[in-house]
Amino acid sequence: MKAFTYRYAVLLLTGTLCTAHATEYLIQYKGVTLGDIDNLTQTINKLYLKAEVTNIIAKLLLRKKYFVFYENEKPDLSNAKFRRDKNNVLLALREAIERRPAHREYPSPGEKKLVLECSDNLCHYVFYKKKKIEGKGKIEFDGNNQFYRLTEIKNGVVIKRK
């Protein structure tokens, strides 16, 4: 009987830990948490983020279960509110996580470009449109070199680890 109880306790603890890690990041807008991002690493490679809306007011306003922030092509997802990334924030995040360049420029059509500069555990990005700054922010990494937080300064968007 004790062996059964012990095994049950281990399974319960393992399930709780897996559930805790299932949602690793959250997205905030001007200090208000909108939702949880459950799979940042897989979706950022495809240049989109999917967050489950957890804020009650946001749920009422959006009338959708998910909020999807995408760069190029709209992902094929149902029950989601979509918002296009006009300032290449997702590109900056992906490149910072994967390559962490000292200095790199990413040109876009129509006199647009993203400039990304990284050193140690911090990256800064600036998005220019017709030589005018349209967006800027910073991307922080923890002591283990893992993505910790993105802060988009102009619009007050924060993506961070819980």
C-alpha atoms as a PDB file:
ATOM      1  CA  MET A   1       0.000   0.000   0.000  1.00  0.00           C
ATOM      2  CA  LYS A   2       2.867   2.404   0.812  1.00  0.00           C
ATOM      3  CA  ALA A   3       4.527   1.689  -2.543  1.00  0.00           C
ATOM      4  CA  PHE A   4       1.297   2.603  -4.325  1.00  0.00           C
ATOM      5  CA  THR A   5       0.953   5.840  -2.360  1.00  0.00           C
ATOM      6  CA  TYR A   6       4.590   6.739  -3.030  1.00  0.00           C
ATOM      7  CA  ARG A   7       4.221   6.107  -6.776  1.00  0.00           C
ATOM      8  CA  TYR A   8       1.008   8.109  -6.870  1.00  0.00           C
ATOM      9  CA  ALA A   9       2.712  11.023  -5.104  1.00  0.00           C
ATOM     10  CA  VAL A  10       5.653  10.943  -7.557  1.00  0.00           C
ATOM     11  CA  LEU A  11       3.286  10.883 -10.551  1.00  0.00           C
ATOM     12  CA  LEU A  12       1.238  13.721  -9.114  1.00  0.00           C
ATOM     13  CA  LEU A  13       4.362  15.817  -8.471  1.00  0.00           C
ATOM     14  CA  THR A  14       5.721  15.091 -11.964  1.00  0.00           C
ATOM     15  CA  GLY A  15       2.401  16.085 -13.535  1.00  0.00           C
ATOM     16  CA  THR A  16       2.368  19.310 -11.545  1.00  0.00           C
ATOM     17  CA  LEU A  17       5.916  20.180 -12.605  1.00  0.00           C
ATOM     18  CA  CYS A  18       5.148  19.461 -16.267  1.00  0.00           C
ATOM     19  CA  THR A  19       2.050  21.645 -16.073  1.00  0.00           C
ATOM     20  CA  ALA A  20       4.073  24.445 -14.511  1.00  0.00           C
ATOM     21  CA  HIS A  21       6.578  24.318 -17.384  1.00  0.00           C
ATOM     22  CA  ALA A  22       3.903  24.027 -20.073  1.00  0.00           C
ATOM     23  CA  THR A  23       3.356  27.785 -19.897  1.00  0.00           C
ATOM     24  CA  GLU A  24       6.769  29.340 -19.620  1.00  0.00           C
ATOM     25  CA  TYR A  25       6.178  32.902 -20.822  1.00  0.00           C
ATOM     26  CA  LEU A  26       3.530  35.583 -20.586  1.00  0.00           C
ATOM     27  CA  ILE A  27       2.719  38.649 -22.623  1.00  0.00           C
ATOM     28  CA  GLN A  28       1.863  42.017 -21.108  1.00  0.00           C
ATOM     29  CA  TYR A  29       0.602  45.222 -22.666  1.00  0.00           C
ATOM     30  CA  LYS A  30       1.191  48.441 -20.730  1.00  0.00           C
ATOM     31  CA  GLY A  31       1.561  46.477 -17.487  1.00  0.00           C
ATOM     32  CA  VAL A  32      -1.546  44.316 -17.920  1.00  0.00           C
ATOM     33  CA  THR A  33      -1.031  40.584 -18.456  1.00  0.00           C
ATOM     34  CA  LEU A  34      -2.946  39.485 -21.551  1.00  0.00           C
ATOM     35  CA  GLY A  35      -2.100  35.803 -21.623  1.00  0.00           C
ATOM     36  CA  ASP A  36       0.285  32.880 -21.438  1.00  0.00           C
ATOM     37  CA  ILE A  37       2.608  31.748 -24.215  1.00  0.00           C
ATOM     38  CA  ASP A  38       2.912  27.987 -24.005  1.00  0.00           C
ATOM     39  CA  ASN A  39       5.326  27.266 -26.841  1.00  0.00           C
ATOM     40  CA  LEU A  40       7.652  30.172 -27.544  1.00  0.00           C
ATOM     41  CA  THR A  41      10.569  28.230 -29.036  1.00  0.00           C
ATOM     42  CA  GLN A  42       8.560  26.358 -31.687  1.00  0.00           C
ATOM     43  CA  THR A  43       6.444  29.267 -32.866  1.00  0.00           C
ATOM     44  CA  ILE A  44       9.150  31.962 -32.872  1.00  0.00           C
ATOM     45  CA  ASN A  45      11.012  30.003 -35.571  1.00  0.00           C
ATOM     46  CA  LYS A  46       7.933  30.458 -37.779  1.00  0.00           C
ATOM     47  CA  LEU A  47       7.766  34.156 -36.735  1.00  0.00           C
ATOM     48  CA  TYR A  48       4.573  34.062 -34.702  1.00  0.00           C
ATOM     49  CA  LEU A  49       3.556  33.859 -31.045  1.00  0.00           C
ATOM     50  CA  LYS A  50       0.348  32.289 -29.773  1.00  0.00           C
ATOM     51  CA  ALA A  51      -0.877  33.279 -26.327  1.00  0.00           C
ATOM     52  CA  GLU A  52      -3.881  31.891 -24.513  1.00  0.00           C
ATOM     53  CA  VAL A  53      -5.883  34.883 -23.308  1.00  0.00           C
ATOM     54  CA  THR A  54      -6.082  34.703 -19.508  1.00  0.00           C
ATOM     55  CA  ASN A  55      -7.163  38.254 -18.669  1.00  0.00           C
ATOM     56  CA  ILE A  56     -10.941  38.368 -18.145  1.00  0.00           C
ATOM     57  CA  ILE A  57     -11.349  41.840 -19.659  1.00  0.00           C
ATOM     58  CA  ALA A  58      -9.238  40.875 -22.684  1.00  0.00           C
ATOM     59  CA  LYS A  59     -11.364  37.726 -23.131  1.00  0.00           C
ATOM     60  CA  LEU A  60     -14.519  39.832 -23.181  1.00  0.00           C
ATOM     61  CA  LEU A  61     -13.068  42.345 -25.631  1.00  0.00           C
ATOM     62  CA  LEU A  62     -11.435  39.850 -27.999  1.00  0.00           C
ATOM     63  CA  ARG A  63     -14.102  37.141 -27.777  1.00  0.00           C
ATOM     64  CA  LYS A  64     -11.400  34.656 -28.725  1.00  0.00           C
ATOM     65  CA  LYS A  65      -9.415  32.048 -26.813  1.00  0.00           C
ATOM     66  CA  TYR A  66      -6.026  32.970 -28.335  1.00  0.00           C
ATOM     67  CA  PHE A  67      -4.135  36.082 -29.306  1.00  0.00           C
ATOM     68  CA  VAL A  68      -1.679  35.559 -32.184  1.00  0.00           C
ATOM     69  CA  PHE A  69       1.092  38.008 -33.043  1.00  0.00           C
ATOM     70  CA  TYR A  70       2.587  37.177 -36.457  1.00  0.00           C
ATOM     71  CA  GLU A  71       5.235  38.547 -38.831  1.00  0.00           C
ATOM     72  CA  ASN A  72       4.740  37.341 -42.425  1.00  0.00           C
ATOM     73  CA  GLU A  73       1.978  34.817 -43.001  1.00  0.00           C
ATOM     74  CA  LYS A  74      -1.040  34.432 -40.767  1.00  0.00           C
ATOM     75  CA  PRO A  75      -0.854  30.976 -39.130  1.00  0.00           C
ATOM     76  CA  ASP A  76      -3.723  28.560 -39.692  1.00  0.00           C
ATOM     77  CA  LEU A  77      -5.256  28.638 -36.207  1.00  0.00           C
ATOM     78  CA  SER A  78      -8.865  28.783 -35.116  1.00  0.00           C
ATOM     79  CA  ASN A  79     -10.519  30.794 -32.331  1.00  0.00           C
ATOM     80  CA  ALA A  80      -7.761  33.427 -32.426  1.00  0.00           C
ATOM     81  CA  LYS A  81      -7.465  37.186 -32.716  1.00  0.00           C
ATOM     82  CA  PHE A  82      -4.590  38.055 -35.067  1.00  0.00           C
ATOM     83  CA  ARG A  83      -2.282  41.077 -34.968  1.00  0.00           C
ATOM     84  CA  ARG A  84       0.459  41.663 -37.511  1.00  0.00           C
ATOM     85  CA  ASP A  85       3.949  42.582 -36.296  1.00  0.00           C
ATOM     86  CA  LYS A  86       4.632  45.797 -38.200  1.00  0.00           C
ATOM     87  CA  ASN A  87       7.892  46.626 -36.401  1.00  0.00           C
ATOM     88  CA  ASN A  88       9.771  43.318 -36.841  1.00  0.00           C
ATOM     89  CA  VAL A  89       9.763  42.578 -33.101  1.00  0.00           C
ATOM     90  CA  LEU A  90       9.435  38.842 -33.748  1.00  0.00           C
ATOM     91  CA  LEU A  91      12.347  38.887 -36.192  1.00  0.00           C
ATOM     92  CA  ALA A  92      14.487  40.693 -33.605  1.00  0.00           C
ATOM     93  CA  LEU A  93      13.534  38.134 -30.949  1.00  0.00           C
ATOM     94  CA  ARG A  94      14.223  35.139 -33.185  1.00  0.00           C
ATOM     95  CA  GLU A  95      17.589  36.457 -34.344  1.00  0.00           C
ATOM     96  CA  ALA A  96      18.633  37.411 -30.805  1.00  0.00           C
ATOM     97  CA  ILE A  97      17.758  33.942 -29.490  1.00  0.00           C
ATOM     98  CA  GLU A  98      19.366  32.033 -32.377  1.00  0.00           C
ATOM     99  CA  ARG A  99      22.378  34.139 -33.408  1.00  0.00           C
ATOM    100  CA  ARG A 100      22.915  37.036 -31.002  1.00  0.00           C
ATOM    101  CA  PRO A 101      24.841  39.171 -33.531  1.00  0.00           C
ATOM    102  CA  ALA A 102      27.172  41.956 -32.380  1.00  0.00           C
ATOM    103  CA  HIS A 103      25.658  44.204 -35.082  1.00  0.00           C
ATOM    104  CA  ARG A 104      23.363  43.253 -37.941  1.00  0.00           C
ATOM    105  CA  GLU A 105      20.920  45.055 -40.208  1.00  0.00           C
ATOM    106  CA  TYR A 106      17.870  43.332 -41.712  1.00  0.00           C
ATOM    107  CA  PRO A 107      16.439  45.329 -44.633  1.00  0.00           C
ATOM    108  CA  SER A 108      12.743  45.090 -45.498  1.00  0.00           C
ATOM    109  CA  PRO A 109      10.814  46.330 -48.546  1.00  0.00           C
ATOM    110  CA  GLY A 110       9.807  49.983 -48.557  1.00  0.00           C
ATOM    111  CA  GLU A 111      12.731  51.745 -46.901  1.00  0.00           C
ATOM    112  CA  LYS A 112      12.416  49.708 -43.710  1.00  0.00           C
ATOM    113  CA  LYS A 113      15.160  48.044 -41.711  1.00  0.00           C
ATOM    114  CA  LEU A 114      15.740  46.388 -38.380  1.00  0.00           C
ATOM    115  CA  VAL A 115      19.045  46.966 -36.587  1.00  0.00           C
ATOM    116  CA  LEU A 116      19.995  44.449 -33.895  1.00  0.00           C
ATOM    117  CA  GLU A 117      23.014  44.813 -31.605  1.00  0.00           C
ATOM    118  CA  CYS A 118      23.918  42.309 -28.910  1.00  0.00           C
ATOM    119  CA  SER A 119      26.560  42.058 -26.215  1.00  0.00           C
ATOM    120  CA  ASP A 120      26.751  39.598 -23.344  1.00  0.00           C
ATOM    121  CA  ASN A 121      23.204  39.015 -22.039  1.00  0.00           C
ATOM    122  CA  LEU A 122      21.502  42.005 -23.660  1.00  0.00           C
ATOM    123  CA  CYS A 123      20.372  42.915 -27.167  1.00  0.00           C
ATOM    124  CA  HIS A 124      18.968  46.223 -28.365  1.00  0.00           C
ATOM    125  CA  TYR A 125      16.906  46.597 -31.516  1.00  0.00           C
ATOM    126  CA  VAL A 126      15.634  49.572 -33.486  1.00  0.00           C
ATOM    127  CA  PHE A 127      13.168  49.423 -36.368  1.00  0.00           C
ATOM    128  CA  TYR A 128      13.373  52.215 -38.947  1.00  0.00           C
ATOM    129  CA  LYS A 129      10.732  53.150 -41.494  1.00  0.00           C
ATOM    130  CA  LYS A 130      11.799  55.834 -43.991  1.00  0.00           C
ATOM    131  CA  LYS A 131      14.761  56.692 -41.737  1.00  0.00           C
ATOM    132  CA  LYS A 132      12.437  57.379 -38.793  1.00  0.00           C
ATOM    133  CA  ILE A 133      12.421  55.216 -35.633  1.00  0.00           C
ATOM    134  CA  GLU A 134       9.144  53.293 -35.500  1.00  0.00           C
ATOM    135  CA  GLY A 135      10.011  50.856 -32.725  1.00  0.00           C
ATOM    136  CA  LYS A 136      12.774  49.966 -30.342  1.00  0.00           C
ATOM    137  CA  GLY A 137      13.367  47.715 -27.419  1.00  0.00           C
ATOM    138  CA  LYS A 138      15.646  45.344 -25.600  1.00  0.00           C
ATOM    139  CA  ILE A 139      15.955  41.598 -25.254  1.00  0.00           C
ATOM    140  CA  GLU A 140      17.442  40.182 -22.063  1.00  0.00           C
ATOM    141  CA  PHE A 141      18.939  36.777 -21.335  1.00  0.00           C
ATOM    142  CA  ASP A 142      19.512  35.134 -17.946  1.00  0.00           C
ATOM    143  CA  GLY A 143      22.787  33.823 -16.504  1.00  0.00           C
ATOM    144  CA  ASN A 144      22.246  30.473 -18.288  1.00  0.00           C
ATOM    145  CA  ASN A 145      22.089  32.247 -21.663  1.00  0.00           C
ATOM    146  CA  GLN A 146      18.341  31.562 -22.013  1.00  0.00           C
ATOM    147  CA  PHE A 147      15.808  34.136 -23.221  1.00  0.00           C
ATOM    148  CA  TYR A 148      14.322  35.969 -20.245  1.00  0.00           C
ATOM    149  CA  ARG A 149      12.486  39.130 -21.366  1.00  0.00           C
ATOM    150  CA  LEU A 150      11.671  41.296 -24.378  1.00  0.00           C
ATOM    151  CA  THR A 151      10.602  44.878 -23.696  1.00  0.00           C
ATOM    152  CA  GLU A 152       9.182  46.856 -26.616  1.00  0.00           C
ATOM    153  CA  ILE A 153       9.496  50.438 -25.462  1.00  0.00           C
ATOM    154  CA  LYS A 154       7.169  52.372 -27.790  1.00  0.00           C
ATOM    155  CA  ASN A 155       4.044  50.240 -27.365  1.00  0.00           C
ATOM    156  CA  GLY A 156       4.674  48.929 -23.853  1.00  0.00           C
ATOM    157  CA  VAL A 157       4.704  45.247 -24.823  1.00  0.00           C
ATOM    158  CA  VAL A 158       6.611  42.827 -22.606  1.00  0.00           C
ATOM    159  CA  ILE A 159       7.193  39.135 -23.237  1.00  0.00           C
ATOM    160  CA  LYS A 160       8.829  37.495 -20.238  1.00  0.00           C
ATOM    161  CA  ARG A 161       9.459  34.227 -18.538  1.00  0.00           C
ATOM    162  CA  LYS A 162       7.253  33.502 -15.555  1.00  0.00           C
END
